[in-house]
């Protein structure tokens, strides 16, 4: 058995966090089994909206503590974030329905419809597991998949006087709606945050993959959690291709070289963390045997699974670009979780449109600002810009303080300033910056990378009221006008492309994002499955098996989730530079 640093002298609470598709659920489950096999009484708790813990163990778990029959000492619990969010909404809206004006109640309900509420509601559910000894007294270890994000914890640190502030109409800035019902739980939340920050009680495990973009995301998460006082962190780099697989396969050799480069150039802050490295496995991580092997090394391929050669025919990215180009202009937004390749795909689409002689503005809010590196050159008629989230957030803060803040007394202004430190403020500020660029899409193509999420769009529409403000200014007159939200909701003007990977968790996260967008009145135009092993030829036995594992996920997108879709294969060379980006859209892999 491989020596696992993050399980040595494990405290009572272990929290696994990371982007979708990095394997945090599998690592959490394997860790729970290892501790249980060592005779420790373990409770495994999932708060992940895309949770598949029950699927991993092959049983139905649900929102009650369930004994795992095949593993002595192990029980599990799946918190349903959507059910928790609904209960949370009912608790907040119920007491004010019939008391406050209907318009105010409707505004609160709208504000409570996004991902922000789901995060806080899930935290609301599992704080009891951190502070209520009667629920957890029987367990020596409680393992959480997923840990609360820095986003959630920053929200919980906002002041307690939200409800009245919101009801008086002063709280249009950001996340006051989802936070309006927290005051009664404040002492319990504080106790939970204190437990998270106590290194004798809690340990956070940051799960990543050996990819530079993913590792940069983890470095940002580490820094944010560290700032919030959660310093007991460990790093797990999962799914590293074994060197032996690179010997007789050109693609595997290229992947191995890229991963080693990423590992050898880790962000400096990550080098300071205790780190475990886990090799990529060929088998699906479902069932006890697979999970017990996850934290092991040197498993023969023959023992992992039978291998197959598989290459499937699927729509290419060029098919989507052909259809986009027919309109001559419009807004193209690429959305998806971190690490799925939105920047590269946005650059490839923009370059292909520009190659056809169409004017294109490519823009990003990527904090890492790697768009210029990806392009590595110029192409007329393509212009490139980057929205700086910090600059835009400060501009937005000053704007709100100068308008709403000017009418407030000292206490109200202090509350407003505190709310403007919410993470949602940055989301809205970035969206406003995007909105200024959206207007260009009437005459040219505007391609957006790292586009605002459905959560941001709901916040903007629910708390702003940009629609309502324009209507008010028009005095109800039937005058034609177009708001940014209306443009995003119009399929003739905007095409939203959801980017994902052919793996269970990224697909589920894309499904959740699609639902979030639909609540905002935006229908995704297409899905793009990136970095697919099944869409290329591989000879490595391990990679062949991985290709087979992708087929059900691709089928689900094609038949259930997407109106149209494209599959982009894993590439030997990084798609950097105009020529390689053009190869990507042309299907020259």
Protein backbone atom coordinates (compact mmCIF):
# COMPACT_ATOMS: atom_id res chain seq x y z
CA UNK A 1 0.00 0.00 0.00
CA UNK A 2 1.29 3.44 -0.95
CA UNK A 3 2.15 5.75 1.96
CA UNK A 4 -0.56 8.42 2.01
CA UNK A 5 0.50 11.60 3.80
CA UNK A 6 -2.96 13.13 4.15
CA UNK A 7 -4.17 10.09 6.11
CA UNK A 8 -1.28 10.04 8.57
CA UNK A 9 -2.43 11.01 12.08
CA UNK A 10 -5.73 11.99 10.50
CA UNK A 11 -7.85 14.41 12.57
CA UNK A 12 -11.54 13.84 13.09
CA UNK A 13 -12.71 15.91 10.12
CA UNK A 14 -11.32 15.48 6.60
CA UNK A 15 -12.57 17.75 3.83
CA UNK A 16 -11.92 17.00 0.14
CA UNK A 17 -12.31 19.87 -2.31
CA UNK A 18 -11.44 20.47 -5.96
CA UNK A 19 -12.91 21.17 -9.39
CA UNK A 20 -15.28 18.77 -11.10
CA UNK A 21 -13.65 15.73 -12.64
CA UNK A 22 -10.42 15.71 -10.61
CA UNK A 23 -11.52 12.61 -8.69
CA UNK A 24 -12.25 14.02 -5.25
CA UNK A 25 -15.25 11.72 -4.67
CA UNK A 26 -13.18 8.65 -5.54
CA UNK A 27 -10.30 9.77 -3.32
CA UNK A 28 -12.70 10.57 -0.47
CA UNK A 29 -14.38 7.14 -0.77
CA UNK A 30 -11.03 5.31 -0.96
CA UNK A 31 -9.82 7.20 2.12
CA UNK A 32 -12.97 6.31 4.05
CA UNK A 33 -12.50 2.63 3.20
CA UNK A 34 -8.83 2.67 4.23
CA UNK A 35 -9.62 4.23 7.62
CA UNK A 36 -12.55 1.86 8.15
CA UNK A 37 -10.40 -1.15 7.22
CA UNK A 38 -7.95 0.02 9.89
CA UNK A 39 -10.72 -0.33 12.47
CA UNK A 40 -11.80 3.31 12.67
CA UNK A 41 -15.51 4.20 12.77
CA UNK A 42 -16.07 6.45 9.75
CA UNK A 43 -18.96 8.56 8.41
CA UNK A 44 -18.64 9.64 4.77
CA UNK A 45 -20.72 12.74 3.90
CA UNK A 46 -21.26 14.15 0.41
CA UNK A 47 -22.40 17.74 -0.15
CA UNK A 48 -21.47 17.76 -3.84
CA UNK A 49 -24.38 18.70 -6.17
CA UNK A 50 -22.91 16.20 -8.66
CA UNK A 51 -22.42 13.51 -6.02
CA UNK A 52 -22.15 9.89 -7.11
CA UNK A 53 -21.11 8.34 -3.77
CA UNK A 54 -24.06 5.93 -3.86
CA UNK A 55 -23.14 4.91 -7.40
CA UNK A 56 -19.52 4.34 -6.34
CA UNK A 57 -20.60 1.90 -3.62
CA UNK A 58 -23.39 0.40 -5.68
CA UNK A 59 -26.15 1.16 -3.18
CA UNK A 60 -28.77 3.84 -2.57
CA UNK A 61 -27.69 6.17 0.22
CA UNK A 62 -29.76 9.37 0.24
CA UNK A 63 -30.29 11.98 2.93
CA UNK A 64 -29.97 9.70 5.94
CA UNK A 65 -27.03 7.91 7.54
CA UNK A 66 -26.74 4.55 5.79
CA UNK A 67 -24.50 1.65 6.79
CA UNK A 68 -22.26 0.39 3.96
CA UNK A 69 -22.81 -3.38 4.35
CA UNK A 70 -19.62 -4.49 2.58
CA UNK A 71 -17.29 -2.32 4.70
CA UNK A 72 -17.23 -2.80 8.44
CA UNK A 73 -17.17 0.48 10.41
CA UNK A 74 -18.29 2.62 7.44
CA UNK A 75 -21.52 4.61 7.03
CA UNK A 76 -22.43 7.27 4.47
CA UNK A 77 -24.79 10.20 4.02
CA UNK A 78 -25.63 12.16 0.86
CA UNK A 79 -26.95 15.67 1.48
CA UNK A 80 -29.23 16.59 -1.41
CA UNK A 81 -28.26 20.22 -2.17
CA UNK A 82 -31.42 20.89 -4.18
CA UNK A 83 -33.69 19.59 -1.42
CA UNK A 84 -31.69 21.54 1.14
CA UNK A 85 -32.00 24.69 -0.96
CA UNK A 86 -35.78 24.26 -1.26
CA UNK A 87 -36.14 23.81 2.50
CA UNK A 88 -33.95 26.85 3.01
CA UNK A 89 -36.09 28.95 0.63
CA UNK A 90 -39.29 27.82 2.38
CA UNK A 91 -37.83 28.77 5.76
CA UNK A 92 -36.99 32.29 4.58
CA UNK A 93 -39.98 33.11 2.37
CA UNK A 94 -42.70 31.46 4.45
CA UNK A 95 -42.75 33.96 7.37
CA UNK A 96 -42.84 37.04 5.09
CA UNK A 97 -45.43 35.79 2.60
CA UNK A 98 -48.59 37.86 3.11
CA UNK A 99 -46.68 40.32 5.29
CA UNK A 100 -44.41 42.01 2.77
CA UNK A 101 -45.62 43.31 -0.58
CA UNK A 102 -45.89 40.59 -3.22
CA UNK A 103 -43.25 42.32 -5.37
CA UNK A 104 -40.75 42.13 -2.50
CA UNK A 105 -41.55 38.44 -1.85
CA UNK A 106 -41.11 37.66 -5.55
CA UNK A 107 -37.76 39.47 -5.57
CA UNK A 108 -36.56 37.41 -2.60
CA UNK A 109 -37.67 34.17 -4.29
CA UNK A 110 -35.74 35.13 -7.43
CA UNK A 111 -32.63 35.88 -5.42
CA UNK A 112 -32.90 32.48 -3.77
CA UNK A 113 -33.04 30.55 -7.05
CA UNK A 114 -29.34 30.37 -7.90
CA UNK A 115 -26.24 28.36 -7.02
CA UNK A 116 -25.35 30.74 -4.19
CA UNK A 117 -28.39 29.60 -2.21
CA UNK A 118 -27.57 25.94 -2.90
CA UNK A 119 -24.06 26.38 -1.48
CA UNK A 120 -25.28 28.02 1.70
CA UNK A 121 -28.14 25.55 2.15
CA UNK A 122 -25.71 22.62 1.88
CA UNK A 123 -23.47 24.30 4.44
CA UNK A 124 -26.54 24.78 6.63
CA UNK A 125 -27.14 21.00 6.49
CA UNK A 126 -23.68 19.81 7.39
CA UNK A 127 -22.80 22.36 10.06
CA UNK A 128 -24.90 20.21 12.35
CA UNK A 129 -22.49 17.34 11.68
CA UNK A 130 -19.59 19.54 12.80
CA UNK A 131 -21.15 20.92 15.97
CA UNK A 132 -23.93 18.50 17.03
CA UNK A 133 -22.26 15.73 19.01
CA UNK A 134 -25.43 13.63 19.27
CA UNK A 135 -25.48 13.09 15.50
CA UNK A 136 -21.83 12.17 15.15
CA UNK A 137 -20.73 10.87 18.55
CA UNK A 138 -20.43 7.30 17.24
CA UNK A 139 -17.80 8.20 14.60
CA UNK A 140 -14.07 8.72 14.99
CA UNK A 141 -13.68 10.28 11.55
CA UNK A 142 -16.10 12.28 9.41
CA UNK A 143 -15.07 12.68 5.78
CA UNK A 144 -16.68 15.39 3.66
CA UNK A 145 -16.92 15.39 -0.12
CA UNK A 146 -16.99 18.38 -0.85
CA UNK A 147 -15.58 20.99 1.51
CA UNK A 148 -17.19 24.43 1.58
CA UNK A 149 -15.55 26.72 -0.92
CA UNK A 150 -13.84 29.99 -0.13
CA UNK A 151 -16.85 31.58 -1.84
CA UNK A 152 -19.25 30.04 0.71
CA UNK A 153 -17.06 30.88 3.69
CA UNK A 154 -16.65 34.50 2.61
CA UNK A 155 -20.43 34.79 2.33
CA UNK A 156 -20.86 33.46 5.85
CA UNK A 157 -18.50 36.10 7.20
CA UNK A 158 -20.77 38.94 6.09
CA UNK A 159 -22.61 40.86 8.83
CA UNK A 160 -25.81 39.70 10.48
CA UNK A 161 -28.24 42.54 9.70
CA UNK A 162 -29.18 41.43 6.19
CA UNK A 163 -32.91 40.84 6.45
CA UNK A 164 -34.02 44.33 7.39
CA UNK A 165 -31.51 45.85 5.00
CA UNK A 166 -32.95 43.77 2.17
CA UNK A 167 -36.59 44.46 3.03
CA UNK A 168 -35.94 48.21 3.03
CA UNK A 169 -34.75 47.92 -0.57
CA UNK A 170 -31.16 48.90 0.17
CA UNK A 171 -29.56 45.60 -0.64
CA UNK A 172 -29.49 45.41 -4.40
CA UNK A 173 -25.71 44.98 -4.51
CA UNK A 174 -25.22 41.22 -4.47
CA UNK A 175 -25.89 38.25 -2.21
CA UNK A 176 -28.21 39.65 0.45
CA UNK A 177 -31.13 37.48 -0.65
CA UNK A 178 -29.51 34.07 -0.08
CA UNK A 179 -28.10 35.35 3.22
CA UNK A 180 -31.31 36.84 4.57
CA UNK A 181 -32.23 33.86 6.73
CA UNK A 182 -28.89 33.12 8.37
CA UNK A 183 -29.08 35.18 11.56
CA UNK A 184 -30.63 32.40 13.71
CA UNK A 185 -27.88 30.01 12.66
CA UNK A 186 -25.03 32.50 13.11
CA UNK A 187 -23.64 30.97 16.32
CA UNK A 188 -23.80 27.46 14.83
CA UNK A 189 -22.06 28.67 11.66
CA UNK A 190 -19.36 30.38 13.67
CA UNK A 191 -18.72 27.17 15.59
CA UNK A 192 -18.50 25.27 12.28
CA UNK A 193 -16.04 27.74 10.76
CA UNK A 194 -13.97 27.57 13.95
CA UNK A 195 -13.86 23.77 13.64
CA UNK A 196 -12.72 24.07 10.02
CA UNK A 197 -9.89 26.40 11.04
CA UNK A 198 -8.69 24.19 13.92
CA UNK A 199 -5.77 22.02 12.67
CA UNK A 200 -6.26 19.58 15.54
CA UNK A 201 -9.80 18.86 14.37
CA UNK A 202 -9.82 19.45 10.61
CA UNK A 203 -7.71 18.87 7.51
CA UNK A 204 -8.49 20.11 3.99
CA UNK A 205 -7.31 18.02 1.06
CA UNK A 206 -7.03 19.91 -2.25
CA UNK A 207 -7.48 17.44 -5.12
CA UNK A 208 -6.06 18.31 -8.55
CA UNK A 209 -4.88 16.72 -11.77
CA UNK A 210 -1.40 17.06 -13.29
CA UNK A 211 -2.44 19.90 -15.59
CA UNK A 212 -1.15 23.45 -15.40
CA UNK A 213 -4.61 25.06 -15.58
CA UNK A 214 -6.01 22.80 -12.84
CA UNK A 215 -2.99 23.36 -10.61
CA UNK A 216 -3.31 27.13 -11.02
CA UNK A 217 -6.96 26.85 -9.92
CA UNK A 218 -5.91 24.85 -6.85
CA UNK A 219 -3.23 27.43 -6.02
CA UNK A 220 -5.91 30.14 -5.99
CA UNK A 221 -8.18 27.99 -3.80
CA UNK A 222 -5.29 27.36 -1.40
CA UNK A 223 -4.52 31.06 -1.11
CA UNK A 224 -8.16 32.01 -0.51
CA UNK A 225 -8.74 29.33 2.14
CA UNK A 226 -5.44 30.22 3.79
CA UNK A 227 -6.53 33.86 3.98
CA UNK A 228 -9.71 32.72 5.74
CA UNK A 229 -7.66 30.91 8.39
CA UNK A 230 -7.94 27.36 6.98
CA UNK A 231 -4.23 26.61 6.90
CA UNK A 232 -4.17 22.84 7.53
CA UNK A 233 -4.09 21.87 3.84
CA UNK A 234 -2.73 18.89 1.93
CA UNK A 235 -2.39 18.49 -1.84
CA UNK A 236 -3.36 15.36 -3.80
CA UNK A 237 -2.41 15.24 -7.49
CA UNK A 238 -4.59 12.54 -8.96
CA UNK A 239 -4.58 10.55 -12.21
CA UNK A 240 -0.89 10.87 -13.18
CA UNK A 241 -0.09 8.78 -16.27
CA UNK A 242 2.46 6.06 -15.37
CA UNK A 243 5.78 6.31 -17.20
CA UNK A 244 5.44 2.75 -18.53
CA UNK A 245 2.38 3.75 -20.59
CA UNK A 246 4.44 6.29 -22.56
CA UNK A 247 6.87 3.74 -23.98
CA UNK A 248 5.00 2.53 -27.10
CA UNK A 249 2.37 5.20 -27.73
CA UNK A 250 3.06 8.65 -29.22
CA UNK A 251 -0.03 10.22 -27.64
CA UNK A 252 0.69 8.69 -24.23
CA UNK A 253 4.28 9.91 -24.49
CA UNK A 254 3.10 13.45 -25.21
CA UNK A 255 0.61 13.38 -22.33
CA UNK A 256 3.28 12.05 -19.97
CA UNK A 257 5.70 14.82 -20.98
CA UNK A 258 3.05 17.53 -20.45
CA UNK A 259 2.11 16.17 -17.04
CA UNK A 260 5.72 15.94 -15.90
CA UNK A 261 6.26 19.51 -17.02
CA UNK A 262 3.26 20.61 -14.94
CA UNK A 263 4.52 18.66 -11.92
CA UNK A 264 8.01 20.09 -12.24
CA UNK A 265 6.70 23.66 -12.37
CA UNK A 266 4.12 23.62 -9.58
CA UNK A 267 2.99 27.06 -8.37
CA UNK A 268 5.28 28.08 -5.51
CA UNK A 269 2.50 28.08 -2.89
CA UNK A 270 1.71 24.44 -3.66
CA UNK A 271 5.31 23.33 -3.24
CA UNK A 272 4.97 24.22 0.43
CA UNK A 273 2.11 21.75 1.03
CA UNK A 274 2.42 18.06 1.94
CA UNK A 275 1.69 16.28 -1.33
CA UNK A 276 0.51 12.83 -2.43
CA UNK A 277 0.64 11.67 -6.05
CA UNK A 278 -1.80 9.03 -7.32
CA UNK A 279 -1.36 7.24 -10.64
CA UNK A 280 -4.07 7.13 -13.31
CA UNK A 281 -6.02 3.87 -13.26
CA UNK A 282 -7.58 2.19 -16.27
CA UNK A 283 -10.64 0.92 -14.44
CA UNK A 284 -13.80 2.81 -13.50
CA UNK A 285 -13.67 3.75 -9.85
CA UNK A 286 -16.87 1.96 -8.91
CA UNK A 287 -17.03 -0.85 -6.36
CA UNK A 288 -14.91 -1.79 -3.38
CA UNK A 289 -12.13 -3.59 -5.25
CA UNK A 290 -11.50 -0.59 -7.49
CA UNK A 291 -11.56 1.85 -4.57
CA UNK A 292 -9.16 -0.26 -2.51
CA UNK A 293 -6.70 -0.16 -5.43
CA UNK A 294 -6.97 3.60 -6.01
CA UNK A 295 -4.43 4.53 -3.36
CA UNK A 296 -2.10 1.70 -4.44
CA UNK A 297 0.61 1.62 -7.09
CA UNK A 298 2.01 -0.97 -9.47
CA UNK A 299 -1.26 -2.62 -10.45
CA UNK A 300 -0.73 -4.70 -13.64
CA UNK A 301 -2.89 -3.60 -16.56
CA UNK A 302 -4.18 -7.16 -16.90
CA UNK A 303 -5.47 -6.93 -13.35
CA UNK A 304 -7.15 -3.60 -14.05
CA UNK A 305 -9.39 -4.49 -16.97
CA UNK A 306 -9.59 -5.89 -20.46
CA UNK A 307 -8.36 -3.46 -23.13
CA UNK A 308 -10.01 -2.50 -26.38
CA UNK A 309 -9.20 -0.34 -29.37
CA UNK A 310 -11.96 2.20 -29.88
CA UNK A 311 -12.28 5.30 -32.04
CA UNK A 312 -15.74 6.79 -32.49
CA UNK A 313 -17.11 9.10 -35.16
CA UNK A 314 -18.62 12.23 -33.60
CA UNK A 315 -19.41 15.78 -34.74
CA UNK A 316 -16.27 17.94 -34.82
CA UNK A 317 -15.78 21.47 -33.58
CA UNK A 318 -15.57 22.65 -37.20
CA UNK A 319 -19.23 21.64 -37.69
CA UNK A 320 -20.28 24.03 -34.94
CA UNK A 321 -18.06 26.84 -36.24
CA UNK A 322 -19.55 26.45 -39.74
CA UNK A 323 -23.02 26.98 -38.31
CA UNK A 324 -21.92 29.91 -36.12
CA UNK A 325 -20.24 31.64 -39.09
CA UNK A 326 -23.45 31.65 -41.13
CA UNK A 327 -24.90 34.46 -39.00
CA UNK A 328 -22.07 36.87 -39.83
CA UNK A 329 -22.06 38.33 -36.30
CA UNK A 330 -23.28 37.54 -32.78
CA UNK A 331 -22.26 36.66 -29.25
CA UNK A 332 -20.60 33.29 -28.56
CA UNK A 333 -20.20 32.46 -24.86
CA UNK A 334 -18.20 29.48 -23.59
CA UNK A 335 -19.20 28.33 -20.12
CA UNK A 336 -18.08 25.49 -17.90
CA UNK A 337 -16.15 24.56 -14.79
CA UNK A 338 -12.45 25.29 -14.39
CA UNK A 339 -9.96 23.01 -16.11
CA UNK A 340 -12.16 21.86 -19.01
CA UNK A 341 -10.36 23.93 -21.65
CA UNK A 342 -12.65 26.93 -22.24
CA UNK A 343 -9.77 29.31 -23.00
CA UNK A 344 -8.32 27.09 -25.72
CA UNK A 345 -11.69 26.41 -27.34
CA UNK A 346 -12.69 30.08 -27.23
CA UNK A 347 -9.41 31.01 -28.92
CA UNK A 348 -9.85 28.27 -31.55
CA UNK A 349 -13.38 29.41 -32.43
CA UNK A 350 -12.34 33.06 -32.62
CA UNK A 351 -9.32 32.30 -34.82
CA UNK A 352 -11.40 30.16 -37.19
CA UNK A 353 -14.03 32.91 -37.56
CA UNK A 354 -11.32 35.52 -38.17
CA UNK A 355 -9.67 33.25 -40.77
CA UNK A 356 -12.90 33.46 -42.74
CA UNK A 357 -12.52 37.26 -42.87
CA UNK A 358 -15.16 37.89 -40.19
CA UNK A 359 -14.46 40.61 -37.57
CA UNK A 360 -14.03 39.02 -34.13
CA UNK A 361 -13.48 40.35 -30.60
CA UNK A 362 -12.15 37.65 -28.26
CA UNK A 363 -12.39 38.54 -24.57
CA UNK A 364 -11.71 36.79 -21.24
CA UNK A 365 -11.92 37.37 -17.50
CA UNK A 366 -9.48 34.54 -16.76
CA UNK A 367 -7.48 35.68 -13.70
CA UNK A 368 -4.46 33.78 -15.01
CA UNK A 369 -4.61 35.74 -18.30
CA UNK A 370 -3.25 32.92 -20.46
CA UNK A 371 -5.23 33.86 -23.54
CA UNK A 372 -2.32 35.75 -25.11
CA UNK A 373 -0.06 32.72 -24.59
CA UNK A 374 -2.65 30.46 -26.24
CA UNK A 375 -2.90 32.69 -29.30
CA UNK A 376 0.85 33.31 -29.48
CA UNK A 377 0.42 35.60 -32.46
CA UNK A 378 -1.93 37.92 -34.30
CA UNK A 379 -4.55 37.40 -36.98
CA UNK A 380 -6.58 40.08 -38.76
CA UNK A 381 -9.44 40.87 -38.20
CA UNK A 382 -9.17 39.54 -34.61
CA UNK A 383 -8.97 41.80 -31.56
CA UNK A 384 -8.31 40.50 -28.05
CA UNK A 385 -9.10 41.99 -24.65
CA UNK A 386 -8.96 40.93 -21.02
CA UNK A 387 -11.32 42.05 -18.29
CA UNK A 388 -9.45 42.47 -15.00
CA UNK A 389 -11.80 41.25 -12.23
CA UNK A 390 -10.06 43.33 -9.53
CA UNK A 391 -10.25 46.55 -11.53
CA UNK A 392 -13.87 45.97 -12.49
CA UNK A 393 -14.86 45.06 -8.91
CA UNK A 394 -13.39 48.26 -7.52
CA UNK A 395 -15.12 50.28 -10.24
CA UNK A 396 -18.44 48.61 -9.37
CA UNK A 397 -17.97 49.20 -5.63
CA UNK A 398 -17.36 52.89 -6.16
CA UNK A 399 -20.39 53.12 -8.47
CA UNK A 400 -22.73 51.50 -5.92
CA UNK A 401 -21.39 53.57 -3.02
CA UNK A 402 -21.81 56.77 -5.02
CA UNK A 403 -25.42 55.96 -5.94
CA UNK A 404 -27.11 53.73 -3.35
CA UNK A 405 -24.65 54.65 -0.61
CA UNK A 406 -25.26 58.36 -0.98
CA UNK A 407 -28.79 57.96 0.44
CA UNK A 408 -27.80 55.85 3.49
CA UNK A 409 -26.97 56.76 7.06
CA UNK A 410 -23.66 55.69 8.58
CA UNK A 411 -24.94 52.27 9.69
CA UNK A 412 -26.55 51.54 6.33
CA UNK A 413 -23.44 52.59 4.46
CA UNK A 414 -21.29 50.33 6.66
CA UNK A 415 -23.58 47.38 5.86
CA UNK A 416 -23.45 48.19 2.15
CA UNK A 417 -19.65 48.41 2.20
CA UNK A 418 -19.49 45.05 3.96
CA UNK A 419 -21.83 43.46 1.44
CA UNK A 420 -19.68 44.81 -1.40
CA UNK A 421 -16.87 42.61 -0.09
CA UNK A 422 -19.01 39.58 -0.95
CA UNK A 423 -17.62 37.27 -3.68
CA UNK A 424 -20.82 37.85 -5.64
CA UNK A 425 -19.81 41.48 -6.09
CA UNK A 426 -16.93 40.41 -8.31
CA UNK A 427 -19.24 38.23 -10.40
CA UNK A 428 -21.66 41.08 -11.04
CA UNK A 429 -18.84 43.56 -11.71
CA UNK A 430 -17.33 41.24 -14.31
CA UNK A 431 -20.73 40.72 -15.89
CA UNK A 432 -21.20 44.49 -16.16
CA UNK A 433 -17.85 44.70 -17.93
CA UNK A 434 -18.97 41.92 -20.27
CA UNK A 435 -22.20 43.83 -20.85
CA UNK A 436 -20.27 46.77 -22.24
CA UNK A 437 -18.68 44.45 -24.80
CA UNK A 438 -21.92 42.60 -25.62
CA UNK A 439 -23.16 45.63 -27.55
CA UNK A 440 -20.46 45.00 -30.18
CA UNK A 441 -22.09 41.70 -31.14
CA UNK A 442 -24.59 43.51 -33.35
CA UNK A 443 -21.85 44.20 -35.89
CA UNK A 444 -19.18 41.55 -35.27
CA UNK A 445 -18.59 38.27 -33.47
CA UNK A 446 -17.84 38.57 -29.77
CA UNK A 447 -16.37 35.35 -28.32
CA UNK A 448 -16.28 35.23 -24.51
CA UNK A 449 -14.10 32.94 -22.42
CA UNK A 450 -14.82 32.33 -18.72
CA UNK A 451 -18.29 33.74 -19.21
CA UNK A 452 -20.50 34.58 -16.22
CA UNK A 453 -22.33 31.60 -14.74
CA UNK A 454 -26.08 31.17 -14.55
CA UNK A 455 -25.74 32.06 -10.87
CA UNK A 456 -24.27 35.47 -11.80
CA UNK A 457 -26.98 36.08 -14.37
CA UNK A 458 -29.73 35.28 -11.87
CA UNK A 459 -28.18 37.62 -9.31
CA UNK A 460 -27.95 40.42 -11.83
CA UNK A 461 -31.52 40.03 -13.01
CA UNK A 462 -33.00 39.41 -9.57
CA UNK A 463 -31.24 42.13 -7.61
CA UNK A 464 -30.84 44.80 -10.34
CA UNK A 465 -32.94 45.23 -11.74
CA UNK A 466 -31.44 46.34 -15.00
CA UNK A 467 -34.67 45.25 -16.70
CA UNK A 468 -36.80 46.96 -14.06
CA UNK A 469 -34.70 50.10 -14.07
CA UNK A 470 -34.92 50.48 -17.85
CA UNK A 471 -38.67 49.91 -17.76
CA UNK A 472 -39.07 52.45 -14.96
CA UNK A 473 -37.04 55.03 -16.85
CA UNK A 474 -39.22 54.49 -19.90
CA UNK A 475 -42.26 55.21 -17.77
CA UNK A 476 -43.97 52.08 -19.02
CA UNK A 477 -44.07 53.45 -22.56
CA UNK A 478 -43.86 50.90 -25.36
CA UNK A 479 -40.44 51.96 -26.59
CA UNK A 480 -38.09 49.39 -28.08
CA UNK A 481 -35.02 48.73 -25.96
CA UNK A 482 -32.54 45.91 -25.53
CA UNK A 483 -30.90 45.01 -22.22
CA UNK A 484 -27.84 42.72 -21.97
CA UNK A 485 -29.99 40.02 -20.34
CA UNK A 486 -32.52 40.18 -23.16
CA UNK A 487 -29.69 39.77 -25.64
CA UNK A 488 -28.37 36.70 -23.79
CA UNK A 489 -31.86 35.19 -23.76
CA UNK A 490 -32.30 35.67 -27.53
CA UNK A 491 -30.99 32.56 -29.37
CA UNK A 492 -30.74 34.58 -32.59
CA UNK A 493 -28.17 36.87 -30.99
CA UNK A 494 -26.37 34.65 -28.47
CA UNK A 495 -24.98 31.12 -28.66
CA UNK A 496 -23.93 29.55 -25.35
CA UNK A 497 -21.54 26.59 -25.61
CA UNK A 498 -21.16 24.40 -22.51
CA UNK A 499 -17.67 22.90 -22.28
CA UNK A 500 -17.15 19.65 -20.38
CA UNK A 501 -15.19 16.38 -20.29
CA UNK A 502 -16.37 12.83 -21.02
CA UNK A 503 -16.40 11.91 -17.33
CA UNK A 504 -19.23 11.46 -14.85
CA UNK A 505 -18.74 14.47 -12.59
CA UNK A 506 -17.98 17.10 -15.28
CA UNK A 507 -21.06 15.94 -17.20
CA UNK A 508 -23.26 16.23 -14.09
CA UNK A 509 -21.84 19.69 -13.36
CA UNK A 510 -22.60 20.76 -16.93
CA UNK A 511 -26.16 19.45 -16.53
CA UNK A 512 -26.53 21.53 -13.35
CA UNK A 513 -25.13 24.61 -15.09
CA UNK A 514 -27.57 24.10 -17.96
CA UNK A 515 -30.46 24.00 -15.48
CA UNK A 516 -29.17 27.17 -13.83
CA UNK A 517 -28.99 28.94 -17.19
CA UNK A 518 -32.49 27.83 -18.09
CA UNK A 519 -33.80 29.37 -14.86
CA UNK A 520 -32.26 32.62 -16.12
CA UNK A 521 -34.11 32.19 -19.42
CA UNK A 522 -31.01 31.19 -21.39
CA UNK A 523 -31.02 28.00 -23.48
CA UNK A 524 -27.54 26.55 -24.23
CA UNK A 525 -26.96 26.23 -27.98
CA UNK A 526 -24.42 23.37 -27.96
CA UNK A 527 -22.14 21.23 -25.80
CA UNK A 528 -18.45 20.62 -26.47
CA UNK A 529 -16.83 17.51 -24.97
CA UNK A 530 -13.14 18.35 -24.74
CA UNK A 531 -10.01 16.19 -24.37
CA UNK A 532 -11.72 12.95 -25.39
CA UNK A 533 -9.69 9.75 -25.53
CA UNK A 534 -12.42 7.95 -27.47
CA UNK A 535 -12.18 10.44 -30.35
CA UNK A 536 -8.58 9.57 -31.18
CA UNK A 537 -6.36 6.50 -31.69
CA UNK A 538 -4.39 5.19 -28.72
CA UNK A 539 -2.26 2.07 -28.27
CA UNK A 540 -1.56 2.30 -24.56
CA UNK A 541 -3.68 -0.40 -22.84
CA UNK A 542 -4.54 1.98 -20.02
CA UNK A 543 -5.67 4.75 -22.38
CA UNK A 544 -7.66 2.29 -24.50
CA UNK A 545 -9.63 1.33 -21.43
CA UNK A 546 -10.16 4.98 -20.57
CA UNK A 547 -11.56 5.51 -24.07
CA UNK A 548 -14.11 2.73 -23.55
CA UNK A 549 -15.16 4.30 -20.25
CA UNK A 550 -16.00 7.57 -22.04
CA UNK A 551 -18.58 6.05 -24.39
CA UNK A 552 -21.60 6.07 -22.01
CA UNK A 553 -20.91 9.72 -21.09
CA UNK A 554 -20.71 10.82 -24.74
CA UNK A 555 -23.89 8.87 -25.49
CA UNK A 556 -25.71 10.62 -22.62
CA UNK A 557 -24.76 14.06 -23.98
CA UNK A 558 -25.79 13.10 -27.53
CA UNK A 559 -29.16 11.62 -26.57
CA UNK A 560 -30.29 13.44 -23.41
CA UNK A 561 -28.50 16.69 -22.66
CA UNK A 562 -27.53 18.59 -25.82
CA UNK A 563 -29.42 19.96 -28.82
CA UNK A 564 -26.15 19.73 -30.74
CA UNK A 565 -22.65 18.77 -29.67
CA UNK A 566 -19.05 18.31 -30.75
CA UNK A 567 -16.20 16.16 -29.45
CA UNK A 568 -12.60 17.40 -29.40
CA UNK A 569 -9.94 14.69 -28.93
CA UNK A 570 -6.92 14.69 -26.64
CA UNK A 571 -4.05 16.20 -28.61
CA UNK A 572 -0.39 15.24 -28.85
CA UNK A 573 0.76 18.86 -28.94
CA UNK A 574 -0.66 21.72 -26.92
CA UNK A 575 -2.92 23.83 -29.20
CA UNK A 576 -0.85 27.01 -28.81
CA UNK A 577 -0.52 29.46 -31.67
CA UNK A 578 -2.80 30.41 -34.53
CA UNK A 579 -1.87 27.49 -36.81
CA UNK A 580 -2.46 24.81 -34.18
CA UNK A 581 -5.73 26.44 -33.15
CA UNK A 582 -6.85 26.33 -36.77
CA UNK A 583 -5.85 22.65 -36.90
CA UNK A 584 -8.10 22.10 -33.87
CA UNK A 585 -11.23 23.48 -35.53
CA UNK A 586 -10.39 21.92 -38.89
CA UNK A 587 -10.09 18.48 -37.33
CA UNK A 588 -6.38 18.13 -38.18
CA UNK A 589 -5.26 16.40 -35.02
